[in-house]
Amino acid sequence: MSNPNQSLKTKLFALCQAYVQQRIDTARQAMEAAQEAANSEEKSSAGDKYETGRAMAQLERDRHAQLLAEAMKLRQDLERLSADKLYDTVQPGSLVTTNRGIFFVSISAGKLSLDAKDYFAVSPASPISLALLGRKTGDSVTFNNLTYQIQEIV
């Protein structure tokens, strides 16, 4: 018997993968653009201006390299999860329906919209995940002075 929320979880997993891929692509493109800017800085008679421009472009490239590294780590975190596994307790990979929203414990991708509904992709290390981890259907947790009643875990 197939759980309809199982395919929902698979779709959310795919949205997280697309989010990560978009971050990787954006960081790579920005790195390349910054590298091209550094390479195309023309040497002028004012050598300091040239060096400053190259240094600024290098800093920009380094910043985007850091963003790329973070996006690659997100991809690794996502690859460790199993979208087709069912869970009895809240843990990485689970889809948690509460009275205050539906949380996909996966990566920190924020709000995901699917079929006119909003879901929240949250990292297992996020404060809301830490409050929910290990809980079962029917449990309640308090987070930011709000009570979250767990209605379903997939």
Foldseek 3Di string as FASTA:
>chain_A
DDDPVLVVLVVVLVVLVVLLVVQLVVLVVQLVVLVVQLVPQDCDPPNVVNVVSNVVSVVSNVVSVVSNVVSVVLVVQSVVEDSNDFDFAQDQNKWWDWPVAIEHATDQPQWDDDPNGIYGYHHCPDPVNVQRGGDGQQDWGADPNDIIHTHDMD
